[in-house]
Amino acid sequence: MKAGDKRLESRTYIIGREGHIYINDPTVSKQHAEIQIINGEVYLRDLGSTNGTFLIKNNRLVPFAEGYVQLRQPIVLGNRQYTIQSLLEIAGAFAAPSFE
């Protein structure tokens, strides 16, 4: 991540039906996963969700517990697909046009 925005650094965003990044989907846990910005990179961690967190790699769903991911990495939470960037945009972490 090359945000260059210190406001993002060391922030943690909870993803789920209750959290900073609200997902209105009954297949998503109340606190499903979290995104942290660490040294300018994005760290994603599943929070023991019922249905899991998955990366999409080579058109396959790959179970994911935790690790560093790219902004444009597609992930699946519940029945929906997102990118890390789109989730951070939901949280208001940055405006959509700031990353092209």
C-alpha atoms as a PDB file:
ATOM      1  CA  MET A   1       0.000   0.000   0.000  1.00  0.00           C
ATOM      2  CA  LYS A   2       1.388   3.354  -0.911  1.00  0.00           C
ATOM      3  CA  ALA A   3      -1.158   5.607   0.660  1.00  0.00           C
ATOM      4  CA  GLY A   4       1.366   7.964   2.172  1.00  0.00           C
ATOM      5  CA  ASP A   5      -1.419   8.986   4.509  1.00  0.00           C
ATOM      6  CA  LYS A   6      -0.315   8.780   8.134  1.00  0.00           C
ATOM      7  CA  ARG A   7      -3.967   8.881   9.243  1.00  0.00           C
ATOM      8  CA  LEU A   8      -4.279   5.290   8.033  1.00  0.00           C
ATOM      9  CA  GLU A   9      -1.194   4.078   9.897  1.00  0.00           C
ATOM     10  CA  SER A  10      -1.814   1.854  12.917  1.00  0.00           C
ATOM     11  CA  ARG A  11      -5.586   1.969  12.402  1.00  0.00           C
ATOM     12  CA  THR A  12      -7.731  -1.132  12.816  1.00  0.00           C
ATOM     13  CA  TYR A  13     -11.031  -1.525  10.991  1.00  0.00           C
ATOM     14  CA  ILE A  14     -13.485  -4.229  12.061  1.00  0.00           C
ATOM     15  CA  ILE A  15     -15.502  -5.746   9.195  1.00  0.00           C
ATOM     16  CA  GLY A  16     -18.904  -7.293   9.871  1.00  0.00           C
ATOM     17  CA  ARG A  17     -22.513  -6.754  10.784  1.00  0.00           C
ATOM     18  CA  GLU A  18     -21.184  -4.684  13.697  1.00  0.00           C
ATOM     19  CA  GLY A  19     -18.038  -2.681  13.064  1.00  0.00           C
ATOM     20  CA  HIS A  20     -16.334   0.141  11.203  1.00  0.00           C
ATOM     21  CA  ILE A  21     -17.005  -1.563   7.870  1.00  0.00           C
ATOM     22  CA  TYR A  22     -20.661  -2.537   7.970  1.00  0.00           C
ATOM     23  CA  ILE A  23     -21.700  -5.508   5.837  1.00  0.00           C
ATOM     24  CA  ASN A  24     -25.443  -6.135   5.754  1.00  0.00           C
ATOM     25  CA  ASP A  25     -25.338  -9.878   5.080  1.00  0.00           C
ATOM     26  CA  PRO A  26     -26.541 -12.609   7.475  1.00  0.00           C
ATOM     27  CA  THR A  27     -23.699 -14.878   6.270  1.00  0.00           C
ATOM     28  CA  VAL A  28     -21.160 -12.364   7.620  1.00  0.00           C
ATOM     29  CA  SER A  29     -20.360 -12.573  11.337  1.00  0.00           C
ATOM     30  CA  LYS A  30     -20.960  -9.610  13.642  1.00  0.00           C
ATOM     31  CA  GLN A  31     -17.187  -9.141  13.829  1.00  0.00           C
ATOM     32  CA  HIS A  32     -16.011 -11.138  10.842  1.00  0.00           C
ATOM     33  CA  ALA A  33     -12.516  -9.840  10.098  1.00  0.00           C
ATOM     34  CA  GLU A  34     -10.254  -6.862  10.619  1.00  0.00           C
ATOM     35  CA  ILE A  35      -7.967  -4.763   8.468  1.00  0.00           C
ATOM     36  CA  GLN A  36      -4.905  -3.100   9.999  1.00  0.00           C
ATOM     37  CA  ILE A  37      -2.504  -0.703   8.341  1.00  0.00           C
ATOM     38  CA  ILE A  38       1.019  -1.593   9.489  1.00  0.00           C
ATOM     39  CA  ASN A  39       4.063   0.262   8.127  1.00  0.00           C
ATOM     40  CA  GLY A  40       2.074   1.296   5.072  1.00  0.00           C
ATOM     41  CA  GLU A  41       0.900  -2.246   4.305  1.00  0.00           C
ATOM     42  CA  VAL A  42      -2.508  -3.857   4.718  1.00  0.00           C
ATOM     43  CA  TYR A  43      -2.880  -6.770   7.145  1.00  0.00           C
ATOM     44  CA  LEU A  44      -6.107  -8.785   7.027  1.00  0.00           C
ATOM     45  CA  ARG A  45      -7.165 -11.168   9.817  1.00  0.00           C
ATOM     46  CA  ASP A  46     -10.233 -13.361  10.153  1.00  0.00           C
ATOM     47  CA  LEU A  47     -11.728 -12.996  13.639  1.00  0.00           C
ATOM     48  CA  GLY A  48     -12.964 -16.571  13.976  1.00  0.00           C
ATOM     49  CA  SER A  49     -15.923 -15.938  11.699  1.00  0.00           C
ATOM     50  CA  THR A  50     -18.515 -18.657  11.203  1.00  0.00           C
ATOM     51  CA  ASN A  51     -18.246 -18.787   7.400  1.00  0.00           C
ATOM     52  CA  GLY A  52     -14.601 -17.812   7.005  1.00  0.00           C
ATOM     53  CA  THR A  53     -12.661 -15.302   4.951  1.00  0.00           C
ATOM     54  CA  PHE A  54     -11.384 -16.249   1.510  1.00  0.00           C
ATOM     55  CA  LEU A  55      -8.985 -14.790  -1.037  1.00  0.00           C
ATOM     56  CA  ILE A  56      -9.638 -15.255  -4.723  1.00  0.00           C
ATOM     57  CA  LYS A  57      -6.487 -16.571  -6.404  1.00  0.00           C
ATOM     58  CA  ASN A  58      -6.459 -18.015  -9.909  1.00  0.00           C
ATOM     59  CA  ASN A  59     -10.274 -17.980  -9.916  1.00  0.00           C
ATOM     60  CA  ARG A  60     -10.382 -20.176  -6.795  1.00  0.00           C
ATOM     61  CA  LEU A  61     -11.479 -19.490  -3.245  1.00  0.00           C
ATOM     62  CA  VAL A  62      -8.567 -19.934  -0.860  1.00  0.00           C
ATOM     63  CA  PRO A  63      -9.303 -19.987   2.902  1.00  0.00           C
ATOM     64  CA  PHE A  64      -7.464 -17.153   4.626  1.00  0.00           C
ATOM     65  CA  ALA A  65      -6.705 -16.729   8.331  1.00  0.00           C
ATOM     66  CA  GLU A  66      -4.348 -13.755   8.385  1.00  0.00           C
ATOM     67  CA  GLY A  67      -1.553 -12.017   6.535  1.00  0.00           C
ATOM     68  CA  TYR A  68      -0.583  -9.103   4.336  1.00  0.00           C
ATOM     69  CA  VAL A  69      -2.727  -8.394   1.270  1.00  0.00           C
ATOM     70  CA  GLN A  70      -2.754  -5.914  -1.601  1.00  0.00           C
ATOM     71  CA  LEU A  71      -5.347  -3.138  -1.936  1.00  0.00           C
ATOM     72  CA  ARG A  72      -6.846  -4.671  -5.058  1.00  0.00           C
ATOM     73  CA  GLN A  73      -6.900  -8.204  -3.617  1.00  0.00           C
ATOM     74  CA  PRO A  74     -10.352  -9.723  -4.134  1.00  0.00           C
ATOM     75  CA  ILE A  75     -11.755 -11.402  -1.038  1.00  0.00           C
ATOM     76  CA  VAL A  76     -15.019 -13.122  -0.155  1.00  0.00           C
ATOM     77  CA  LEU A  77     -16.866 -12.515   3.099  1.00  0.00           C
ATOM     78  CA  GLY A  78     -20.124 -14.421   3.431  1.00  0.00           C
ATOM     79  CA  ASN A  79     -21.823 -14.412   0.030  1.00  0.00           C
ATOM     80  CA  ARG A  80     -20.158 -11.286  -1.334  1.00  0.00           C
ATOM     81  CA  GLN A  81     -16.921 -10.356  -3.046  1.00  0.00           C
ATOM     82  CA  TYR A  82     -14.967  -7.200  -2.203  1.00  0.00           C
ATOM     83  CA  THR A  83     -11.524  -5.743  -2.654  1.00  0.00           C
ATOM     84  CA  ILE A  84      -9.540  -4.505   0.320  1.00  0.00           C
ATOM     85  CA  GLN A  85      -9.695  -1.025  -1.213  1.00  0.00           C
ATOM     86  CA  SER A  86     -13.495  -1.091  -1.487  1.00  0.00           C
ATOM     87  CA  LEU A  87     -13.783  -2.143   2.166  1.00  0.00           C
ATOM     88  CA  LEU A  88     -11.518   0.707   3.251  1.00  0.00           C
ATOM     89  CA  GLU A  89     -13.619   3.084   1.159  1.00  0.00           C
ATOM     90  CA  ILE A  90     -16.730   1.910   3.047  1.00  0.00           C
ATOM     91  CA  ALA A  91     -14.923   2.814   6.274  1.00  0.00           C
ATOM     92  CA  GLY A  92     -14.147   6.260   4.878  1.00  0.00           C
ATOM     93  CA  ALA A  93     -10.424   5.567   5.199  1.00  0.00           C
ATOM     94  CA  PHE A  94      -9.833   7.334   1.900  1.00  0.00           C
ATOM     95  CA  ALA A  95     -11.817   8.580  -1.069  1.00  0.00           C
ATOM     96  CA  ALA A  96     -12.184   6.270  -4.044  1.00  0.00           C
ATOM     97  CA  PRO A  97     -10.294   8.505  -6.543  1.00  0.00           C
ATOM     98  CA  SER A  98      -7.136   8.583  -4.388  1.00  0.00           C
ATOM     99  CA  PHE A  99      -6.012   5.176  -5.710  1.00  0.00           C
ATOM    100  CA  GLU A 100      -6.055   4.728  -9.451  1.00  0.00           C
END
